[in-house]
Amino acid sequence: NDFEALFRTRMLFVFLPLSWKEKPPRRFTTDTRDREEPALDRIVPEDPNVPYDMNQVISRIVDDADFFEIMPAFARNIIVGFGRLEGRTIGVIGNQPTQLAGCLDIDASVKAARFVRFCDAFGLPVVTLVDVPGFMPGVAQEHGGIIRHGAKLLYAYAEATVPKLTVITRKAYGGAYDVMASKHLRGDVNLAWPSSEIAVMGAKGAVEIIFRGMPAEQQEKEVARYERLFTNPLTAARRGFIDDIIEPRQTRHRLCQELD
C-alpha cells in the first residue's frame, strides 16, 4: 500500500547521500567492530550440499542487524541491499544457497550488476559474500544470453572504483567465482572462511570427468586427494587470490578494519 511504500522509501534514503557529489552518510552506533559472532562459526553446514540462509550471515555482520534488502522477490538466488559497518553505509551482495543453490542465472547477474553500478555512482563500498557453485546451466539460459548478461556483472565489478571487499564463505567455483569480485577483477580485499572451496569445480564432478571409468573405490580416493590439493583456501592464498583466511566470527572486525 501507499503507506508502506513511502515508509520503505524513507528507509532507503537514510542509507544514501543526497547526491553523488557528497560523501555517504555516517550514523552514530554503539555496535563496535570488536563484536564477535560465534554463531557464524557454525552457520555453514559440514555437508556442502546442505543450504543455509545468507541473510543470517549478513544480519550478523552489519550494524544492529539492520539490513535493507533491494528487490527481495526478484532473482532470489542473489541478495542485494544496504547496511552499515560502524555507521558507514555499504552495499552488500551475497549468493543465497537456499535458492537454486546460489547459482548465477540471467536475472541474478543483471540484478547484481545494476546494484554494483548504483553503489559505484554514489561512492558506497561494496561487500560481497560468495557461495556460488557456478552459472546456471540449461538451454533456456543459453538462449537467453547468460554469457552476455553474466558479463554485465563482470564489467560492473571490474570498472567500479569504490572499495570492494569480498568474503568467501563456502563454494567459489569456476567463472562464477571470477565475476563475484575476485582478485582477478581488481578486488581490493579478498578474505576466506576455513570452509571455503576455491576451484574450477567440485571435487566429485572433477574426478568423474578426469578419472572416468575408474573403479568407485579408486574414485573416492581421488576425490579426497582433489579436496586436499585444490578445494581449500590455502592453495588460493599461496597463489595470491586470497589475502587472508579468517575465522567467521571475526568477519565484522576485519571488514571494519579494511574499510579504514
Protein backbone atom coordinates (compact mmCIF):
# COMPACT_ATOMS: atom_id res chain seq x y z
CA ASN A 1 0.00 0.00 0.00
CA ASP A 2 0.98 3.67 -0.20
CA PHE A 3 1.95 3.93 3.46
CA GLU A 4 4.37 1.02 3.29
CA ALA A 5 5.84 2.28 0.00
CA LEU A 6 6.55 5.73 1.48
CA PHE A 7 7.94 4.20 4.68
CA ARG A 8 10.36 1.97 2.79
CA THR A 9 11.38 4.85 0.54
CA ARG A 10 12.34 6.84 3.63
CA MET A 11 14.29 3.88 4.94
CA LEU A 12 16.18 3.70 1.64
CA PHE A 13 17.06 7.40 1.62
CA VAL A 14 18.58 7.12 5.11
CA PHE A 15 21.38 4.99 3.61
CA LEU A 16 22.14 7.27 0.66
CA PRO A 17 23.88 10.63 0.20
CA LEU A 18 21.79 13.49 -1.17
CA SER A 19 23.79 13.42 -4.41
CA TRP A 20 26.84 11.77 -5.96
CA LYS A 21 28.88 14.84 -5.03
CA GLU A 22 28.50 14.20 -1.30
CA LYS A 23 30.09 11.56 0.88
CA PRO A 24 27.92 8.66 2.07
CA PRO A 25 26.18 9.41 5.39
CA ARG A 26 27.61 8.07 8.62
CA ARG A 27 25.36 7.33 11.57
CA PHE A 28 26.34 7.04 15.21
CA THR A 29 26.19 3.48 16.53
CA THR A 30 27.13 1.65 19.71
CA ASP A 31 27.76 -1.53 17.70
CA THR A 32 31.55 -1.60 17.62
CA ARG A 33 33.88 -3.55 15.36
CA ASP A 34 35.01 -5.68 18.31
CA ARG A 35 31.69 -7.53 18.44
CA GLU A 36 32.23 -11.17 17.56
CA GLU A 37 29.56 -13.56 16.32
CA PRO A 38 30.32 -17.15 17.43
CA ALA A 39 27.18 -18.30 15.59
CA LEU A 40 28.96 -17.65 12.29
CA ASP A 41 31.46 -20.41 13.14
CA ARG A 42 28.61 -22.92 12.91
CA ILE A 43 26.37 -21.43 10.26
CA VAL A 44 27.93 -23.24 7.27
CA PRO A 45 26.91 -26.95 7.32
CA GLU A 46 29.62 -29.60 7.06
CA ASP A 47 27.77 -31.19 4.13
CA PRO A 48 28.46 -28.94 1.12
CA ASN A 49 25.08 -29.87 -0.36
CA VAL A 50 23.10 -28.56 2.62
CA PRO A 51 21.98 -24.92 2.19
CA TYR A 52 21.99 -22.14 4.76
CA ASP A 53 20.46 -18.67 4.78
CA MET A 54 22.88 -15.93 3.68
CA ASN A 55 20.53 -13.34 5.17
CA GLN A 56 21.53 -14.64 8.61
CA VAL A 57 25.19 -14.11 7.78
CA ILE A 58 24.54 -10.56 6.63
CA SER A 59 22.43 -9.61 9.65
CA ARG A 60 25.19 -10.82 11.99
CA ILE A 61 27.84 -8.73 10.24
CA VAL A 62 26.15 -5.34 9.74
CA ASP A 63 25.40 -2.80 12.48
CA ASP A 64 22.48 -3.71 14.75
CA ALA A 65 21.30 -6.40 12.28
CA ASP A 66 19.90 -3.55 10.18
CA PHE A 67 19.87 -4.64 6.53
CA PHE A 68 17.67 -3.07 3.87
CA GLU A 69 17.24 -5.57 1.03
CA ILE A 70 16.50 -4.38 -2.50
CA MET A 71 14.16 -6.38 -4.77
CA PRO A 72 13.84 -9.38 -2.40
CA ALA A 73 11.19 -11.05 -4.59
CA PHE A 74 13.20 -10.88 -7.83
CA ALA A 75 16.11 -13.25 -8.53
CA ARG A 76 16.01 -14.71 -5.02
CA ASN A 77 19.24 -16.61 -5.63
CA ILE A 78 21.18 -13.40 -5.00
CA ILE A 79 20.78 -10.83 -2.24
CA VAL A 80 21.49 -7.12 -2.66
CA GLY A 81 20.87 -4.32 -0.19
CA PHE A 82 22.28 -1.69 2.12
CA GLY A 83 23.75 -1.98 5.59
CA ARG A 84 26.30 -0.23 7.79
CA LEU A 85 29.65 -1.03 9.31
CA GLU A 86 30.50 1.25 12.23
CA GLY A 87 27.93 3.72 10.95
CA ARG A 88 29.24 3.77 7.36
CA THR A 89 26.82 2.83 4.61
CA ILE A 90 27.85 -0.16 2.50
CA GLY A 91 26.30 -2.08 -0.34
CA VAL A 92 26.01 -5.81 0.32
CA ILE A 93 25.79 -8.55 -2.30
CA GLY A 94 25.53 -12.23 -1.39
CA ASN A 95 24.67 -15.51 -3.07
CA GLN A 96 21.67 -17.24 -1.48
CA PRO A 97 22.30 -21.02 -1.15
CA THR A 98 18.64 -21.69 -0.28
CA GLN A 99 17.57 -20.62 -3.78
CA LEU A 100 18.93 -22.50 -6.81
CA ALA A 101 21.94 -23.41 -4.62
CA GLY A 102 23.18 -19.84 -5.10
CA CYS A 103 23.87 -20.27 -8.82
CA LEU A 104 24.12 -17.18 -11.01
CA ASP A 105 21.48 -17.00 -13.72
CA ILE A 106 20.48 -14.19 -16.07
CA ASP A 107 18.22 -12.38 -13.61
CA ALA A 108 20.71 -12.64 -10.74
CA SER A 109 23.55 -11.33 -12.90
CA VAL A 110 21.56 -8.31 -14.06
CA LYS A 111 20.25 -7.59 -10.55
CA ALA A 112 23.72 -7.66 -9.01
CA ALA A 113 25.33 -5.71 -11.87
CA ARG A 114 22.84 -2.86 -11.58
CA PHE A 115 23.38 -2.71 -7.83
CA VAL A 116 27.17 -2.55 -8.18
CA ARG A 117 26.80 0.29 -10.71
CA PHE A 118 24.47 2.13 -8.32
CA CYS A 119 26.88 1.80 -5.40
CA ASP A 120 29.75 2.97 -7.56
CA ALA A 121 27.77 6.03 -8.66
CA PHE A 122 27.17 7.13 -5.06
CA GLY A 123 30.56 6.15 -3.65
CA LEU A 124 29.34 3.28 -1.48
CA PRO A 125 31.81 0.46 -0.65
CA VAL A 126 30.67 -2.96 -1.83
CA VAL A 127 30.91 -6.03 0.40
CA THR A 128 30.40 -9.33 -1.45
CA LEU A 129 29.64 -12.63 0.31
CA VAL A 130 30.40 -15.53 -2.02
CA ASP A 131 28.93 -19.02 -2.05
CA VAL A 132 28.45 -19.78 -5.73
CA PRO A 133 28.75 -23.21 -7.40
CA GLY A 134 28.65 -21.77 -10.92
CA PHE A 135 26.42 -20.31 -13.60
CA MET A 136 23.00 -21.85 -14.06
CA PRO A 137 23.14 -24.48 -16.84
CA GLY A 138 20.34 -25.12 -19.30
CA VAL A 139 19.10 -24.40 -22.81
CA ALA A 140 16.84 -21.56 -21.63
CA GLN A 141 19.76 -19.76 -20.02
CA GLU A 142 21.96 -20.22 -23.07
CA HIS A 143 19.29 -18.94 -25.45
CA GLY A 144 18.54 -16.05 -23.08
CA GLY A 145 22.15 -14.88 -23.23
CA ILE A 146 23.68 -15.98 -19.94
CA ILE A 147 27.18 -15.15 -21.22
CA ARG A 148 26.18 -11.63 -22.26
CA HIS A 149 24.28 -10.92 -19.04
CA GLY A 150 26.94 -12.55 -16.88
CA ALA A 151 29.47 -10.23 -18.48
CA LYS A 152 27.47 -7.26 -17.18
CA LEU A 153 28.31 -8.29 -13.63
CA LEU A 154 31.94 -8.89 -14.58
CA TYR A 155 32.28 -5.41 -16.08
CA ALA A 156 30.40 -3.75 -13.21
CA TYR A 157 32.87 -5.10 -10.65
CA ALA A 158 35.92 -4.52 -12.85
CA GLU A 159 35.03 -0.90 -13.53
CA ALA A 160 33.87 0.04 -10.02
CA THR A 161 36.23 2.46 -8.27
CA VAL A 162 34.74 2.17 -4.77
CA PRO A 163 36.32 -0.15 -2.16
CA LYS A 164 35.47 -3.79 -2.95
CA LEU A 165 35.66 -6.27 -0.07
CA THR A 166 34.95 -9.95 -0.65
CA VAL A 167 34.36 -12.80 1.80
CA ILE A 168 34.17 -16.38 0.50
CA THR A 169 32.04 -18.43 2.87
CA ARG A 170 31.92 -21.79 1.06
CA LYS A 171 31.83 -22.58 -2.68
CA ALA A 172 33.65 -20.42 -5.20
CA TYR A 173 33.70 -22.39 -8.43
CA GLY A 174 34.76 -21.56 -11.95
CA GLY A 175 33.73 -18.48 -13.88
CA ALA A 176 31.04 -17.59 -11.35
CA TYR A 177 33.76 -17.19 -8.72
CA ASP A 178 35.66 -14.89 -11.06
CA VAL A 179 32.76 -12.47 -11.57
CA MET A 180 31.94 -12.23 -7.85
CA ALA A 181 34.51 -9.51 -7.03
CA SER A 182 37.52 -11.82 -7.15
CA LYS A 183 41.13 -10.62 -7.20
CA HIS A 184 41.04 -11.11 -10.95
CA LEU A 185 38.50 -8.25 -11.14
CA ARG A 186 40.57 -5.85 -9.02
CA GLY A 187 39.01 -6.78 -5.70
CA ASP A 188 40.70 -4.70 -3.00
CA VAL A 189 40.46 -7.21 -0.14
CA ASN A 190 39.53 -10.88 -0.54
CA LEU A 191 39.03 -12.93 2.61
CA ALA A 192 38.02 -16.56 3.01
CA TRP A 193 36.50 -18.67 5.74
CA PRO A 194 38.14 -22.04 6.52
CA SER A 195 35.09 -23.73 4.94
CA SER A 196 35.70 -22.11 1.55
CA GLU A 197 36.32 -24.19 -1.56
CA ILE A 198 38.01 -22.28 -4.38
CA ALA A 199 38.39 -24.36 -7.52
CA VAL A 200 37.30 -24.81 -11.12
CA MET A 201 34.53 -27.17 -9.98
CA GLY A 202 33.56 -29.50 -7.16
CA ALA A 203 35.77 -32.46 -6.31
CA LYS A 204 33.23 -35.15 -7.17
CA GLY A 205 32.37 -33.68 -10.56
CA ALA A 206 36.00 -33.12 -11.45
CA VAL A 207 37.02 -36.67 -10.56
CA GLU A 208 34.12 -38.14 -12.55
CA ILE A 209 35.42 -36.33 -15.63
CA ILE A 210 39.16 -36.81 -15.17
CA PHE A 211 39.02 -40.42 -13.98
CA ARG A 212 36.05 -41.68 -15.96
CA GLY A 213 35.83 -45.46 -15.96
CA MET A 214 37.94 -45.85 -12.83
CA PRO A 215 36.54 -48.15 -10.10
CA ALA A 216 34.37 -46.42 -7.49
CA GLU A 217 36.78 -47.11 -4.63
CA GLN A 218 39.66 -45.50 -6.53
CA GLN A 219 37.49 -42.53 -7.44
CA GLU A 220 36.72 -41.94 -3.77
CA LYS A 221 40.45 -41.75 -3.07
CA GLU A 222 40.89 -39.29 -5.91
CA VAL A 223 38.04 -37.16 -4.54
CA ALA A 224 39.79 -36.96 -1.18
CA ARG A 225 43.05 -36.09 -2.92
CA TYR A 226 41.37 -33.39 -5.04
CA GLU A 227 39.79 -31.85 -1.93
CA ARG A 228 43.13 -31.85 -0.14
CA LEU A 229 45.01 -30.25 -3.01
CA PHE A 230 42.52 -27.86 -4.56
CA THR A 231 39.20 -27.26 -2.78
CA ASN A 232 40.59 -25.39 0.19
CA PRO A 233 41.59 -21.74 0.68
CA LEU A 234 45.28 -22.48 1.30
CA THR A 235 46.06 -23.17 -2.35
CA ALA A 236 44.32 -19.95 -3.43
CA ALA A 237 46.12 -18.00 -0.70
CA ARG A 238 49.51 -19.28 -1.87
CA ARG A 239 48.73 -18.05 -5.38
CA GLY A 240 47.69 -14.61 -4.12
CA PHE A 241 43.98 -14.95 -4.86
CA ILE A 242 43.13 -14.62 -1.16
CA ASP A 243 44.55 -12.00 1.21
CA ASP A 244 43.76 -13.88 4.43
CA ILE A 245 41.89 -16.84 5.87
CA ILE A 246 39.84 -15.71 8.87
CA GLU A 247 37.60 -17.20 11.50
CA PRO A 248 33.95 -16.47 10.62
CA ARG A 249 33.32 -14.79 13.96
CA GLN A 250 35.96 -12.16 13.09
CA THR A 251 34.38 -11.18 9.77
CA ARG A 252 32.82 -7.96 11.04
CA HIS A 253 36.04 -6.83 12.72
CA ARG A 254 38.14 -7.47 9.60
CA LEU A 255 35.71 -5.70 7.27
CA CYS A 256 35.62 -2.63 9.52
CA GLN A 257 39.40 -2.70 9.74
CA GLU A 258 39.83 -2.93 5.98
CA LEU A 259 37.38 -0.06 5.36
CA ASP A 260 39.64 2.22 7.40
